[in-house]
Amino acid sequence: MTKELTEGKGKKGLNCNVTHCQKPNSAHYFNKVMKAYYCLKCATDIEAAANKSGCSFYDGLKKIRSIK
């Protein structure tokens, strides 16, 4: 089942940019590579994966672990 894209997807203060998430009113973390906003959970997961290869996609979310 595909989730419908919302108009506020990836925009600051609106919906998370991850299609299967799109949590409303949660997009507060700017991904400087994708140039879109994510919720804390998704931003943390993305940053944890990036840190494994020595990268960082978010300012202020350096060397973190994924939220379980």
PDB file of N, CA and C in Angstrom:
ATOM      1  N   MET A   1       0.839  -1.175   0.000  1.00  0.00           N
ATOM      2  CA  MET A   1       0.000   0.000   0.000  1.00  0.00           C
ATOM      3  C   MET A   1       0.891   1.246   0.000  1.00  0.00           C
ATOM      4  N   THR A   2       0.640   2.166  -0.879  1.00  0.00           N
ATOM      5  CA  THR A   2       1.424   3.392  -0.989  1.00  0.00           C
ATOM      6  C   THR A   2       0.740   4.497  -0.208  1.00  0.00           C
ATOM      7  N   LYS A   3       1.552   5.258   0.516  1.00  0.00           N
ATOM      8  CA  LYS A   3       0.997   6.378   1.269  1.00  0.00           C
ATOM      9  C   LYS A   3       0.860   7.583   0.353  1.00  0.00           C
ATOM     10  N   GLU A   4      -0.262   8.267   0.456  1.00  0.00           N
ATOM     11  CA  GLU A   4      -0.500   9.454  -0.356  1.00  0.00           C
ATOM     12  C   GLU A   4       0.427  10.584   0.098  1.00  0.00           C
ATOM     13  N   LEU A   5       0.987  11.308  -0.849  1.00  0.00           N
ATOM     14  CA  LEU A   5       1.860  12.433  -0.536  1.00  0.00           C
ATOM     15  C   LEU A   5       1.019  13.620  -0.095  1.00  0.00           C
ATOM     16  N   THR A   6       1.468  14.284   0.951  1.00  0.00           N
ATOM     17  CA  THR A   6       0.748  15.445   1.437  1.00  0.00           C
ATOM     18  C   THR A   6       1.410  16.715   0.918  1.00  0.00           C
ATOM     19  N   GLU A   7       0.648  17.782   0.853  1.00  0.00           N
ATOM     20  CA  GLU A   7       1.154  19.050   0.330  1.00  0.00           C
ATOM     21  C   GLU A   7       2.281  19.622   1.185  1.00  0.00           C
ATOM     22  N   GLY A   8       2.258  19.394   2.496  1.00  0.00           N
ATOM     23  CA  GLY A   8       3.269  19.959   3.393  1.00  0.00           C
ATOM     24  C   GLY A   8       4.490  19.084   3.601  1.00  0.00           C
ATOM     25  N   LYS A   9       4.635  18.017   2.812  1.00  0.00           N
ATOM     26  CA  LYS A   9       5.739  17.064   2.981  1.00  0.00           C
ATOM     27  C   LYS A   9       7.088  17.757   2.811  1.00  0.00           C
ATOM     28  N   GLY A  10       7.918  17.677   3.883  1.00  0.00           N
ATOM     29  CA  GLY A  10       9.281  18.196   3.828  1.00  0.00           C
ATOM     30  C   GLY A  10       9.405  19.690   4.068  1.00  0.00           C
ATOM     31  N   LYS A  11       8.295  20.336   4.392  1.00  0.00           N
ATOM     32  CA  LYS A  11       8.324  21.782   4.632  1.00  0.00           C
ATOM     33  C   LYS A  11       8.387  22.064   6.131  1.00  0.00           C
ATOM     34  N   LYS A  12       9.149  23.095   6.497  1.00  0.00           N
ATOM     35  CA  LYS A  12       9.394  23.432   7.897  1.00  0.00           C
ATOM     36  C   LYS A  12       8.091  23.558   8.693  1.00  0.00           C
ATOM     37  N   GLY A  13       8.049  22.801   9.805  1.00  0.00           N
ATOM     38  CA  GLY A  13       6.901  22.845  10.703  1.00  0.00           C
ATOM     39  C   GLY A  13       5.699  22.049  10.245  1.00  0.00           C
ATOM     40  N   LEU A  14       5.770  21.472   9.061  1.00  0.00           N
ATOM     41  CA  LEU A  14       4.629  20.707   8.539  1.00  0.00           C
ATOM     42  C   LEU A  14       4.919  19.209   8.650  1.00  0.00           C
ATOM     43  N   ASN A  15       4.872  18.477   7.542  1.00  0.00           N
ATOM     44  CA  ASN A  15       4.995  17.020   7.582  1.00  0.00           C
ATOM     45  C   ASN A  15       6.410  16.542   7.278  1.00  0.00           C
ATOM     46  N   CYS A  16       6.794  15.479   7.972  1.00  0.00           N
ATOM     47  CA  CYS A  16       8.114  14.860   7.749  1.00  0.00           C
ATOM     48  C   CYS A  16       8.271  14.498   6.275  1.00  0.00           C
ATOM     49  N   ASN A  17       9.479  14.622   5.756  1.00  0.00           N
ATOM     50  CA  ASN A  17       9.743  14.352   4.342  1.00  0.00           C
ATOM     51  C   ASN A  17       9.797  12.859   3.998  1.00  0.00           C
ATOM     52  N   VAL A  18       9.868  11.985   4.981  1.00  0.00           N
ATOM     53  CA  VAL A  18       9.889  10.543   4.714  1.00  0.00           C
ATOM     54  C   VAL A  18       8.466  10.109   4.348  1.00  0.00           C
ATOM     55  N   THR A  19       8.295   9.577   3.153  1.00  0.00           N
ATOM     56  CA  THR A  19       6.972   9.249   2.623  1.00  0.00           C
ATOM     57  C   THR A  19       6.179   8.338   3.553  1.00  0.00           C
ATOM     58  N   HIS A  20       6.783   7.291   4.099  1.00  0.00           N
ATOM     59  CA  HIS A  20       6.023   6.381   4.955  1.00  0.00           C
ATOM     60  C   HIS A  20       5.777   6.949   6.351  1.00  0.00           C
ATOM     61  N   CYS A  21       6.351   8.095   6.684  1.00  0.00           N
ATOM     62  CA  CYS A  21       6.142   8.750   7.976  1.00  0.00           C
ATOM     63  C   CYS A  21       5.155   9.912   7.823  1.00  0.00           C
ATOM     64  N   GLN A  22       5.607  11.009   7.237  1.00  0.00           N
ATOM     65  CA  GLN A  22       4.806  12.221   7.027  1.00  0.00           C
ATOM     66  C   GLN A  22       4.054  12.662   8.282  1.00  0.00           C
ATOM     67  N   LYS A  23       4.686  12.475   9.454  1.00  0.00           N
ATOM     68  CA  LYS A  23       4.068  12.885  10.715  1.00  0.00           C
ATOM     69  C   LYS A  23       3.750  14.379  10.647  1.00  0.00           C
ATOM     70  N   PRO A  24       2.501  14.752  10.893  1.00  0.00           N
ATOM     71  CA  PRO A  24       2.110  16.158  10.770  1.00  0.00           C
ATOM     72  C   PRO A  24       2.727  17.048  11.854  1.00  0.00           C
ATOM     73  N   ASN A  25       2.988  18.286  11.484  1.00  0.00           N
ATOM     74  CA  ASN A  25       3.498  19.312  12.398  1.00  0.00           C
ATOM     75  C   ASN A  25       4.777  18.907  13.125  1.00  0.00           C
ATOM     76  N   SER A  26       5.620  18.111  12.492  1.00  0.00           N
ATOM     77  CA  SER A  26       6.816  17.590  13.157  1.00  0.00           C
ATOM     78  C   SER A  26       8.113  17.875  12.416  1.00  0.00           C
ATOM     79  N   ALA A  27       8.047  18.448  11.245  1.00  0.00           N
ATOM     80  CA  ALA A  27       9.237  18.634  10.408  1.00  0.00           C
ATOM     81  C   ALA A  27      10.023  19.865  10.862  1.00  0.00           C
ATOM     82  N   HIS A  28      10.961  19.634  11.798  1.00  0.00           N
ATOM     83  CA  HIS A  28      11.744  20.726  12.372  1.00  0.00           C
ATOM     84  C   HIS A  28      13.243  20.543  12.171  1.00  0.00           C
ATOM     85  N   TYR A  29      13.663  19.465  11.534  1.00  0.00           N
ATOM     86  CA  TYR A  29      15.089  19.156  11.372  1.00  0.00           C
ATOM     87  C   TYR A  29      15.449  19.180   9.894  1.00  0.00           C
ATOM     88  N   PHE A  30      16.268  20.169   9.519  1.00  0.00           N
ATOM     89  CA  PHE A  30      16.610  20.395   8.112  1.00  0.00           C
ATOM     90  C   PHE A  30      17.771  19.514   7.682  1.00  0.00           C
ATOM     91  N   ASN A  31      17.535  18.716   6.644  1.00  0.00           N
ATOM     92  CA  ASN A  31      18.567  17.871   6.053  1.00  0.00           C
ATOM     93  C   ASN A  31      19.241  18.703   4.971  1.00  0.00           C
ATOM     94  N   LYS A  32      20.510  19.061   5.202  1.00  0.00           N
ATOM     95  CA  LYS A  32      21.206  19.961   4.285  1.00  0.00           C
ATOM     96  C   LYS A  32      21.552  19.315   2.946  1.00  0.00           C
ATOM     97  N   VAL A  33      21.488  17.993   2.840  1.00  0.00           N
ATOM     98  CA  VAL A  33      21.736  17.312   1.566  1.00  0.00           C
ATOM     99  C   VAL A  33      20.449  17.250   0.735  1.00  0.00           C
ATOM    100  N   MET A  34      19.370  16.845   1.380  1.00  0.00           N
ATOM    101  CA  MET A  34      18.082  16.725   0.678  1.00  0.00           C
ATOM    102  C   MET A  34      17.334  18.052   0.596  1.00  0.00           C
ATOM    103  N   LYS A  35      17.753  19.029   1.414  1.00  0.00           N
ATOM    104  CA  LYS A  35      17.113  20.354   1.456  1.00  0.00           C
ATOM    105  C   LYS A  35      15.619  20.240   1.780  1.00  0.00           C
ATOM    106  N   ALA A  36      15.334  19.423   2.807  1.00  0.00           N
ATOM    107  CA  ALA A  36      13.960  19.216   3.256  1.00  0.00           C
ATOM    108  C   ALA A  36      13.971  18.999   4.764  1.00  0.00           C
ATOM    109  N   TYR A  37      12.807  19.102   5.380  1.00  0.00           N
ATOM    110  CA  TYR A  37      12.666  18.964   6.822  1.00  0.00           C
ATOM    111  C   TYR A  37      12.092  17.597   7.189  1.00  0.00           C
ATOM    112  N   TYR A  38      12.563  17.085   8.348  1.00  0.00           N
ATOM    113  CA  TYR A  38      12.193  15.759   8.841  1.00  0.00           C
ATOM    114  C   TYR A  38      11.796  15.830  10.308  1.00  0.00           C
ATOM    115  N   CYS A  39      11.028  14.853  10.783  1.00  0.00           N
ATOM    116  CA  CYS A  39      10.711  14.750  12.206  1.00  0.00           C
ATOM    117  C   CYS A  39      11.962  14.259  12.940  1.00  0.00           C
ATOM    118  N   LEU A  40      11.970  14.379  14.254  1.00  0.00           N
ATOM    119  CA  LEU A  40      13.139  13.981  15.034  1.00  0.00           C
ATOM    120  C   LEU A  40      13.489  12.514  14.837  1.00  0.00           C
ATOM    121  N   LYS A  41      12.502  11.631  14.860  1.00  0.00           N
ATOM    122  CA  LYS A  41      12.756  10.185  14.713  1.00  0.00           C
ATOM    123  C   LYS A  41      13.433   9.881  13.378  1.00  0.00           C
ATOM    124  N   CYS A  42      12.895  10.392  12.290  1.00  0.00           N
ATOM    125  CA  CYS A  42      13.462  10.120  10.967  1.00  0.00           C
ATOM    126  C   CYS A  42      14.819  10.800  10.803  1.00  0.00           C
ATOM    127  N   ALA A  43      14.949  12.030  11.285  1.00  0.00           N
ATOM    128  CA  ALA A  43      16.222  12.735  11.193  1.00  0.00           C
ATOM    129  C   ALA A  43      17.301  11.983  11.964  1.00  0.00           C
ATOM    130  N   THR A  44      16.944  11.468  13.129  1.00  0.00           N
ATOM    131  CA  THR A  44      17.889  10.717  13.947  1.00  0.00           C
ATOM    132  C   THR A  44      18.323   9.434  13.250  1.00  0.00           C
ATOM    133  N   ASP A  45      17.374   8.724  12.660  1.00  0.00           N
ATOM    134  CA  ASP A  45      17.697   7.489  11.928  1.00  0.00           C
ATOM    135  C   ASP A  45      18.607   7.781  10.733  1.00  0.00           C
ATOM    136  N   ILE A  46      18.298   8.821   9.984  1.00  0.00           N
ATOM    137  CA  ILE A  46      19.102   9.193   8.813  1.00  0.00           C
ATOM    138  C   ILE A  46      20.509   9.601   9.242  1.00  0.00           C
ATOM    139  N   GLU A  47      20.593  10.406  10.298  1.00  0.00           N
ATOM    140  CA  GLU A  47      21.893  10.883  10.773  1.00  0.00           C
ATOM    141  C   GLU A  47      22.745   9.744  11.319  1.00  0.00           C
ATOM    142  N   ALA A  48      22.122   8.796  12.019  1.00  0.00           N
ATOM    143  CA  ALA A  48      22.855   7.641  12.541  1.00  0.00           C
ATOM    144  C   ALA A  48      23.477   6.841  11.396  1.00  0.00           C
ATOM    145  N   ALA A  49      22.735   6.638  10.326  1.00  0.00           N
ATOM    146  CA  ALA A  49      23.260   5.917   9.158  1.00  0.00           C
ATOM    147  C   ALA A  49      24.377   6.714   8.493  1.00  0.00           C
ATOM    148  N   ALA A  50      24.218   8.025   8.392  1.00  0.00           N
ATOM    149  CA  ALA A  50      25.256   8.872   7.781  1.00  0.00           C
ATOM    150  C   ALA A  50      26.525   8.872   8.616  1.00  0.00           C
ATOM    151  N   ASN A  51      26.378   8.887   9.943  1.00  0.00           N
ATOM    152  CA  ASN A  51      27.538   8.885  10.832  1.00  0.00           C
ATOM    153  C   ASN A  51      28.400   7.644  10.655  1.00  0.00           C
ATOM    154  N   LYS A  52      27.786   6.519  10.296  1.00  0.00           N
ATOM    155  CA  LYS A  52      28.541   5.278  10.093  1.00  0.00           C
ATOM    156  C   LYS A  52      29.562   5.409   8.975  1.00  0.00           C
ATOM    157  N   SER A  53      29.287   6.294   8.022  1.00  0.00           N
ATOM    158  CA  SER A  53      30.241   6.501   6.927  1.00  0.00           C
ATOM    159  C   SER A  53      30.980   7.835   7.072  1.00  0.00           C
ATOM    160  N   GLY A  54      30.926   8.416   8.278  1.00  0.00           N
ATOM    161  CA  GLY A  54      31.670   9.634   8.550  1.00  0.00           C
ATOM    162  C   GLY A  54      31.023  10.913   8.048  1.00  0.00           C
ATOM    163  N   CYS A  55      29.744  10.844   7.713  1.00  0.00           N
ATOM    164  CA  CYS A  55      29.035  12.024   7.196  1.00  0.00           C
ATOM    165  C   CYS A  55      28.084  12.576   8.249  1.00  0.00           C
ATOM    166  N   SER A  56      27.607  13.785   7.995  1.00  0.00           N
ATOM    167  CA  SER A  56      26.574  14.395   8.822  1.00  0.00           C
ATOM    168  C   SER A  56      25.665  15.199   7.900  1.00  0.00           C
ATOM    169  N   PHE A  57      24.359  14.941   7.990  1.00  0.00           N
ATOM    170  CA  PHE A  57      23.396  15.625   7.137  1.00  0.00           C
ATOM    171  C   PHE A  57      22.634  16.711   7.873  1.00  0.00           C
ATOM    172  N   TYR A  58      22.773  16.756   9.199  1.00  0.00           N
ATOM    173  CA  TYR A  58      22.043  17.712  10.024  1.00  0.00           C
ATOM    174  C   TYR A  58      23.012  18.441  10.936  1.00  0.00           C
ATOM    175  N   ASP A  59      22.860  19.751  11.047  1.00  0.00           N
ATOM    176  CA  ASP A  59      23.629  20.500  12.029  1.00  0.00           C
ATOM    177  C   ASP A  59      23.011  20.231  13.399  1.00  0.00           C
ATOM    178  N   GLY A  60      23.835  19.900  14.370  1.00  0.00           N
ATOM    179  CA  GLY A  60      23.342  19.676  15.719  1.00  0.00           C
ATOM    180  C   GLY A  60      22.934  18.244  16.023  1.00  0.00           C
ATOM    181  N   LEU A  61      22.968  17.353  15.059  1.00  0.00           N
ATOM    182  CA  LEU A  61      22.638  15.939  15.302  1.00  0.00           C
ATOM    183  C   LEU A  61      23.851  15.061  14.995  1.00  0.00           C
ATOM    184  N   LYS A  62      25.010  15.445  15.459  1.00  0.00           N
ATOM    185  CA  LYS A  62      26.232  14.719  15.141  1.00  0.00           C
ATOM    186  C   LYS A  62      26.448  13.547  16.086  1.00  0.00           C
ATOM    187  N   LYS A  63      26.957  12.463  15.531  1.00  0.00           N
ATOM    188  CA  LYS A  63      27.306  11.255  16.283  1.00  0.00           C
ATOM    189  C   LYS A  63      26.202  10.824  17.224  1.00  0.00           C
ATOM    190  N   ILE A  64      25.072  10.504  16.657  1.00  0.00           N
ATOM    191  CA  ILE A  64      23.929  10.061  17.440  1.00  0.00           C
ATOM    192  C   ILE A  64      23.549   8.642  17.049  1.00  0.00           C
ATOM    193  N   ARG A  65      22.747   8.037  17.871  1.00  0.00           N
ATOM    194  CA  ARG A  65      22.234   6.699  17.579  1.00  0.00           C
ATOM    195  C   ARG A  65      20.769   6.801  17.207  1.00  0.00           C
ATOM    196  N   SER A  66      20.317   5.838  16.478  1.00  0.00           N
ATOM    197  CA  SER A  66      18.919   5.775  16.081  1.00  0.00           C
ATOM    198  C   SER A  66      18.017   5.638  17.306  1.00  0.00           C
ATOM    199  N   ILE A  67      16.892   6.348  17.302  1.00  0.00           N
ATOM    200  CA  ILE A  67      15.895   6.224  18.372  1.00  0.00           C
ATOM    201  C   ILE A  67      15.105   4.945  18.132  1.00  0.00           C
ATOM    202  N   LYS A  68      14.988   4.135  19.126  1.00  0.00           N
ATOM    203  CA  LYS A  68      14.235   2.877  18.985  1.00  0.00           C
ATOM    204  C   LYS A  68      12.801   3.074  19.395  1.00  0.00           C
TER     205      LYS A  68
END
